[in-house]
C-alpha atoms as a PDB file:
ATOM      1  CA  UNK A   1      12.380   8.917  25.962  1.00  0.00           C
ATOM      2  CA  UNK A   2      13.865   8.900  22.548  1.00  0.00           C
ATOM      3  CA  UNK A   3      13.820  11.722  19.507  1.00  0.00           C
ATOM      4  CA  UNK A   4      13.815  12.183  15.893  1.00  0.00           C
ATOM      5  CA  UNK A   5      16.035  14.302  14.656  1.00  0.00           C
ATOM      6  CA  UNK A   6      14.072  16.700  11.779  1.00  0.00           C
ATOM      7  CA  UNK A   7      16.553  18.967  10.346  1.00  0.00           C
ATOM      8  CA  UNK A   8      14.793  19.546   7.228  1.00  0.00           C
ATOM      9  CA  UNK A   9      12.269  21.301   9.217  1.00  0.00           C
ATOM     10  CA  UNK A  10      15.252  24.197  10.743  1.00  0.00           C
ATOM     11  CA  UNK A  11      14.731  26.484   7.389  1.00  0.00           C
ATOM     12  CA  UNK A  12      10.939  26.626   8.202  1.00  0.00           C
ATOM     13  CA  UNK A  13      11.617  27.190  11.619  1.00  0.00           C
ATOM     14  CA  UNK A  14      13.987  29.697  11.252  1.00  0.00           C
ATOM     15  CA  UNK A  15      11.473  31.838   8.677  1.00  0.00           C
ATOM     16  CA  UNK A  16       8.350  31.629  10.976  1.00  0.00           C
ATOM     17  CA  UNK A  17      10.177  33.318  13.690  1.00  0.00           C
ATOM     18  CA  UNK A  18      10.988  36.911  12.353  1.00  0.00           C
ATOM     19  CA  UNK A  19       7.610  36.711  10.453  1.00  0.00           C
ATOM     20  CA  UNK A  20       6.446  40.718  10.453  1.00  0.00           C
ATOM     21  CA  UNK A  21       3.342  39.547   8.353  1.00  0.00           C
ATOM     22  CA  UNK A  22       0.785  36.404   8.893  1.00  0.00           C
ATOM     23  CA  UNK A  23       0.982  34.442   5.962  1.00  0.00           C
ATOM     24  CA  UNK A  24      -2.420  33.109   6.321  1.00  0.00           C
ATOM     25  CA  UNK A  25      -3.370  36.804   6.299  1.00  0.00           C
ATOM     26  CA  UNK A  26      -1.117  37.763   3.326  1.00  0.00           C
ATOM     27  CA  UNK A  27      -2.603  34.679   1.499  1.00  0.00           C
ATOM     28  CA  UNK A  28      -6.093  35.658   1.321  1.00  0.00           C
ATOM     29  CA  UNK A  29      -5.807  39.353   0.647  1.00  0.00           C
ATOM     30  CA  UNK A  30      -4.244  38.409  -2.284  1.00  0.00           C
ATOM     31  CA  UNK A  31      -5.942  37.958  -5.744  1.00  0.00           C
ATOM     32  CA  UNK A  32      -3.701  35.980  -7.566  1.00  0.00           C
ATOM     33  CA  UNK A  33      -4.613  32.328  -5.725  1.00  0.00           C
ATOM     34  CA  UNK A  34      -2.113  30.487  -7.553  1.00  0.00           C
ATOM     35  CA  UNK A  35       0.936  32.747  -6.597  1.00  0.00           C
ATOM     36  CA  UNK A  36      -0.636  32.759  -2.903  1.00  0.00           C
ATOM     37  CA  UNK A  37      -1.158  28.963  -3.341  1.00  0.00           C
ATOM     38  CA  UNK A  38      -4.715  29.270  -2.489  1.00  0.00           C
ATOM     39  CA  UNK A  39      -6.991  26.288  -3.760  1.00  0.00           C
ATOM     40  CA  UNK A  40     -10.669  27.541  -2.628  1.00  0.00           C
ATOM     41  CA  UNK A  41     -12.221  30.420  -0.457  1.00  0.00           C
ATOM     42  CA  UNK A  42     -14.683  29.410   1.221  1.00  0.00           C
ATOM     43  CA  UNK A  43     -17.157  32.529   3.200  1.00  0.00           C
ATOM     44  CA  UNK A  44     -15.484  31.637   6.648  1.00  0.00           C
ATOM     45  CA  UNK A  45     -12.092  29.857   5.270  1.00  0.00           C
ATOM     46  CA  UNK A  46      -9.999  29.284   2.691  1.00  0.00           C
ATOM     47  CA  UNK A  47      -7.504  26.092   1.750  1.00  0.00           C
ATOM     48  CA  UNK A  48      -3.894  26.792   0.595  1.00  0.00           C
ATOM     49  CA  UNK A  49      -0.238  24.268   0.253  1.00  0.00           C
ATOM     50  CA  UNK A  50       2.249  24.274   2.462  1.00  0.00           C
ATOM     51  CA  UNK A  51       4.931  25.830   1.613  1.00  0.00           C
ATOM     52  CA  UNK A  52       7.076  23.309   3.635  1.00  0.00           C
ATOM     53  CA  UNK A  53       5.176  20.116   3.100  1.00  0.00           C
ATOM     54  CA  UNK A  54       5.714  17.005   4.815  1.00  0.00           C
ATOM     55  CA  UNK A  55       4.147  15.004   1.621  1.00  0.00           C
ATOM     56  CA  UNK A  56       2.775  16.209  -1.820  1.00  0.00           C
ATOM     57  CA  UNK A  57      -0.591  17.690  -1.097  1.00  0.00           C
ATOM     58  CA  UNK A  58       0.052  19.061   2.294  1.00  0.00           C
ATOM     59  CA  UNK A  59      -2.788  21.364   2.423  1.00  0.00           C
ATOM     60  CA  UNK A  60      -3.975  23.933   5.346  1.00  0.00           C
ATOM     61  CA  UNK A  61      -7.485  24.979   5.477  1.00  0.00           C
ATOM     62  CA  UNK A  62      -7.345  28.740   7.559  1.00  0.00           C
ATOM     63  CA  UNK A  63      -9.941  30.956   8.498  1.00  0.00           C
ATOM     64  CA  UNK A  64      -9.772  34.039   6.830  1.00  0.00           C
ATOM     65  CA  UNK A  65     -10.538  36.115  10.048  1.00  0.00           C
ATOM     66  CA  UNK A  66      -7.169  36.686  11.898  1.00  0.00           C
ATOM     67  CA  UNK A  67      -7.810  34.393  15.151  1.00  0.00           C
ATOM     68  CA  UNK A  68      -5.756  32.466  16.994  1.00  0.00           C
ATOM     69  CA  UNK A  69      -8.041  30.762  18.986  1.00  0.00           C
ATOM     70  CA  UNK A  70     -10.297  27.716  17.943  1.00  0.00           C
ATOM     71  CA  UNK A  71     -12.935  28.154  20.111  1.00  0.00           C
ATOM     72  CA  UNK A  72     -13.647  32.240  19.065  1.00  0.00           C
ATOM     73  CA  UNK A  73     -14.509  30.836  15.602  1.00  0.00           C
ATOM     74  CA  UNK A  74     -17.767  31.562  15.027  1.00  0.00           C
ATOM     75  CA  UNK A  75     -20.383  28.024  14.307  1.00  0.00           C
ATOM     76  CA  UNK A  76     -20.626  29.487  10.349  1.00  0.00           C
ATOM     77  CA  UNK A  77     -16.688  29.020  10.430  1.00  0.00           C
ATOM     78  CA  UNK A  78     -16.455  26.107  12.492  1.00  0.00           C
ATOM     79  CA  UNK A  79     -19.171  24.385  10.302  1.00  0.00           C
ATOM     80  CA  UNK A  80     -17.469  25.777   7.077  1.00  0.00           C
ATOM     81  CA  UNK A  81     -13.991  24.248   7.913  1.00  0.00           C
ATOM     82  CA  UNK A  82     -15.930  20.812   8.496  1.00  0.00           C
ATOM     83  CA  UNK A  83     -17.249  20.649   5.395  1.00  0.00           C
ATOM     84  CA  UNK A  84     -14.076  21.842   3.668  1.00  0.00           C
ATOM     85  CA  UNK A  85     -12.084  19.064   5.139  1.00  0.00           C
ATOM     86  CA  UNK A  86     -14.511  16.846   3.846  1.00  0.00           C
ATOM     87  CA  UNK A  87     -14.434  18.420   0.288  1.00  0.00           C
ATOM     88  CA  UNK A  88     -10.005  17.947   0.754  1.00  0.00           C
ATOM     89  CA  UNK A  89      -9.847  14.755   2.006  1.00  0.00           C
ATOM     90  CA  UNK A  90     -12.493  14.054  -0.992  1.00  0.00           C
ATOM     91  CA  UNK A  91     -10.276  15.721  -3.613  1.00  0.00           C
ATOM     92  CA  UNK A  92      -6.711  14.670  -2.413  1.00  0.00           C
ATOM     93  CA  UNK A  93      -7.893  10.754  -2.437  1.00  0.00           C
ATOM     94  CA  UNK A  94      -8.704  11.355  -6.536  1.00  0.00           C
ATOM     95  CA  UNK A  95      -5.281  13.041  -6.776  1.00  0.00           C
ATOM     96  CA  UNK A  96      -3.413  10.919  -4.960  1.00  0.00           C
ATOM     97  CA  UNK A  97      -5.071   7.680  -3.351  1.00  0.00           C
ATOM     98  CA  UNK A  98      -3.335   8.299  -0.186  1.00  0.00           C
ATOM     99  CA  UNK A  99      -3.322   5.295   2.469  1.00  0.00           C
ATOM    100  CA  UNK A 100      -4.310   7.399   5.432  1.00  0.00           C
ATOM    101  CA  UNK A 101      -4.226  11.091   6.720  1.00  0.00           C
ATOM    102  CA  UNK A 102      -2.700  12.988   9.229  1.00  0.00           C
ATOM    103  CA  UNK A 103      -5.061  15.863  10.260  1.00  0.00           C
ATOM    104  CA  UNK A 104      -5.197  18.569  12.490  1.00  0.00           C
ATOM    105  CA  UNK A 105      -3.989  22.249  14.270  1.00  0.00           C
ATOM    106  CA  UNK A 106      -1.088  23.029  16.473  1.00  0.00           C
ATOM    107  CA  UNK A 107      -3.007  25.737  18.930  1.00  0.00           C
ATOM    108  CA  UNK A 108      -0.219  27.888  20.303  1.00  0.00           C
ATOM    109  CA  UNK A 109       3.328  28.388  20.174  1.00  0.00           C
ATOM    110  CA  UNK A 110       4.083  25.713  22.911  1.00  0.00           C
ATOM    111  CA  UNK A 111       1.917  22.779  21.089  1.00  0.00           C
ATOM    112  CA  UNK A 112       4.422  23.521  18.151  1.00  0.00           C
ATOM    113  CA  UNK A 113       1.939  26.171  16.394  1.00  0.00           C
ATOM    114  CA  UNK A 114       4.576  27.600  13.707  1.00  0.00           C
ATOM    115  CA  UNK A 115       2.281  30.767  13.299  1.00  0.00           C
ATOM    116  CA  UNK A 116       0.496  30.531  16.693  1.00  0.00           C
ATOM    117  CA  UNK A 117      -1.455  34.300  15.758  1.00  0.00           C
ATOM    118  CA  UNK A 118      -3.763  32.192  13.036  1.00  0.00           C
ATOM    119  CA  UNK A 119      -5.179  29.108  13.624  1.00  0.00           C
ATOM    120  CA  UNK A 120      -5.159  26.492  11.284  1.00  0.00           C
ATOM    121  CA  UNK A 121      -5.638  22.830  10.203  1.00  0.00           C
ATOM    122  CA  UNK A 122      -3.115  20.611   8.722  1.00  0.00           C
ATOM    123  CA  UNK A 123      -4.308  18.024   6.362  1.00  0.00           C
ATOM    124  CA  UNK A 124      -1.488  15.599   5.221  1.00  0.00           C
ATOM    125  CA  UNK A 125      -1.816  13.060   2.819  1.00  0.00           C
ATOM    126  CA  UNK A 126       0.176   9.580   4.300  1.00  0.00           C
ATOM    127  CA  UNK A 127       1.811   6.393   2.993  1.00  0.00           C
ATOM    128  CA  UNK A 128       3.134   3.409   3.814  1.00  0.00           C
ATOM    129  CA  UNK A 129       6.763   3.640   4.079  1.00  0.00           C
ATOM    130  CA  UNK A 130       6.043   7.250   2.715  1.00  0.00           C
ATOM    131  CA  UNK A 131       9.162   8.160   5.595  1.00  0.00           C
ATOM    132  CA  UNK A 132      12.345   7.024   4.499  1.00  0.00           C
ATOM    133  CA  UNK A 133      16.863   7.471   5.073  1.00  0.00           C
ATOM    134  CA  UNK A 134      17.341  10.730   3.316  1.00  0.00           C
ATOM    135  CA  UNK A 135      15.805  12.645   5.672  1.00  0.00           C
ATOM    136  CA  UNK A 136      17.557  11.390   8.626  1.00  0.00           C
ATOM    137  CA  UNK A 137      21.030   9.890   7.033  1.00  0.00           C
ATOM    138  CA  UNK A 138      21.317  12.826   4.437  1.00  0.00           C
ATOM    139  CA  UNK A 139      19.564  15.759   5.599  1.00  0.00           C
ATOM    140  CA  UNK A 140      17.108  16.085   2.610  1.00  0.00           C
ATOM    141  CA  UNK A 141      13.502  15.204   1.973  1.00  0.00           C
ATOM    142  CA  UNK A 142      12.480  13.747  -1.578  1.00  0.00           C
ATOM    143  CA  UNK A 143       9.687  14.648  -3.373  1.00  0.00           C
ATOM    144  CA  UNK A 144       7.664  13.431  -6.657  1.00  0.00           C
ATOM    145  CA  UNK A 145       6.033  16.804  -7.816  1.00  0.00           C
ATOM    146  CA  UNK A 146       7.066  20.607  -6.965  1.00  0.00           C
ATOM    147  CA  UNK A 147       4.510  23.683  -5.147  1.00  0.00           C
ATOM    148  CA  UNK A 148       3.542  24.056  -8.757  1.00  0.00           C
ATOM    149  CA  UNK A 149       2.653  20.715  -9.986  1.00  0.00           C
ATOM    150  CA  UNK A 150       0.796  20.007  -7.124  1.00  0.00           C
ATOM    151  CA  UNK A 151      -1.311  23.210  -6.952  1.00  0.00           C
ATOM    152  CA  UNK A 152      -2.196  22.514 -10.756  1.00  0.00           C
ATOM    153  CA  UNK A 153      -3.376  19.201  -9.960  1.00  0.00           C
ATOM    154  CA  UNK A 154      -5.591  20.116  -6.944  1.00  0.00           C
ATOM    155  CA  UNK A 155      -7.354  23.487  -8.118  1.00  0.00           C
ATOM    156  CA  UNK A 156      -9.583  22.329 -10.435  1.00  0.00           C
ATOM    157  CA  UNK A 157     -10.490  19.566  -8.389  1.00  0.00           C
ATOM    158  CA  UNK A 158     -11.455  22.241  -5.636  1.00  0.00           C
ATOM    159  CA  UNK A 159     -12.884  23.930  -8.824  1.00  0.00           C
ATOM    160  CA  UNK A 160     -15.088  20.886  -9.409  1.00  0.00           C
ATOM    161  CA  UNK A 161     -16.009  20.617  -6.163  1.00  0.00           C
ATOM    162  CA  UNK A 162     -17.131  24.382  -6.028  1.00  0.00           C
ATOM    163  CA  UNK A 163     -19.452  23.822  -8.918  1.00  0.00           C
ATOM    164  CA  UNK A 164     -20.936  20.333  -7.742  1.00  0.00           C
ATOM    165  CA  UNK A 165     -22.202  22.085  -4.328  1.00  0.00           C
ATOM    166  CA  UNK A 166     -23.380  25.119  -6.323  1.00  0.00           C
ATOM    167  CA  UNK A 167     -25.347  22.384  -8.413  1.00  0.00           C
ATOM    168  CA  UNK A 168     -26.510  21.012  -5.507  1.00  0.00           C
ATOM    169  CA  UNK A 169     -27.480  24.286  -4.092  1.00  0.00           C
ATOM    170  CA  UNK A 170     -29.344  25.498  -6.847  1.00  0.00           C
ATOM    171  CA  UNK A 171     -31.323  22.238  -7.342  1.00  0.00           C
ATOM    172  CA  UNK A 172     -31.958  22.038  -3.735  1.00  0.00           C
ATOM    173  CA  UNK A 173     -33.681  25.555  -3.325  1.00  0.00           C
ATOM    174  CA  UNK A 174     -35.858  24.609  -6.240  1.00  0.00           C
ATOM    175  CA  UNK A 175     -37.215  21.689  -4.668  1.00  0.00           C
ATOM    176  CA  UNK A 176     -37.854  23.692  -1.687  1.00  0.00           C
ATOM    177  CA  UNK A 177     -39.595  26.780  -3.994  1.00  0.00           C
ATOM    178  CA  UNK A 178     -41.748  23.923  -5.529  1.00  0.00           C
ATOM    179  CA  UNK A 179     -43.007  22.634  -2.148  1.00  0.00           C
ATOM    180  CA  UNK A 180     -44.331  25.702  -0.874  1.00  0.00           C
END
């Protein structure tokens, strides 16, 4: 078996081990979405930037409820997560035009979950050749933008999507009331 070294992740691992509070619960409670890097809030889930991204635009979708196991999520939370994922992919395509995505969860510490007590979905935009020699040789990740720039780019797009969904919901309710 061959192993690939990822030394830039050491800071993340060191910081995640002694956590006394859940970063998702803390972000959910904050009133300042920008400071918490929260991009969108649903009824059951919310979207936030990963503070240790693999690529620009690396998002996470987490339930508002502190729960470790995806199986414990209710049907409403699971359905909303799927819709939020669709929205996140649409937003990231508009903002970054990636050539692909890594999307998934690490459930449990042995599966690589840095925060095993609160399940979350990663959405990572990818481009051909987005890995290079810098992390391996120089121990350094090179990013085209900082988190604040990413937030400023993505938050308005998530807000547009929310307004679009609200308009569609109002139109659907009007149509339903007319057909009665």
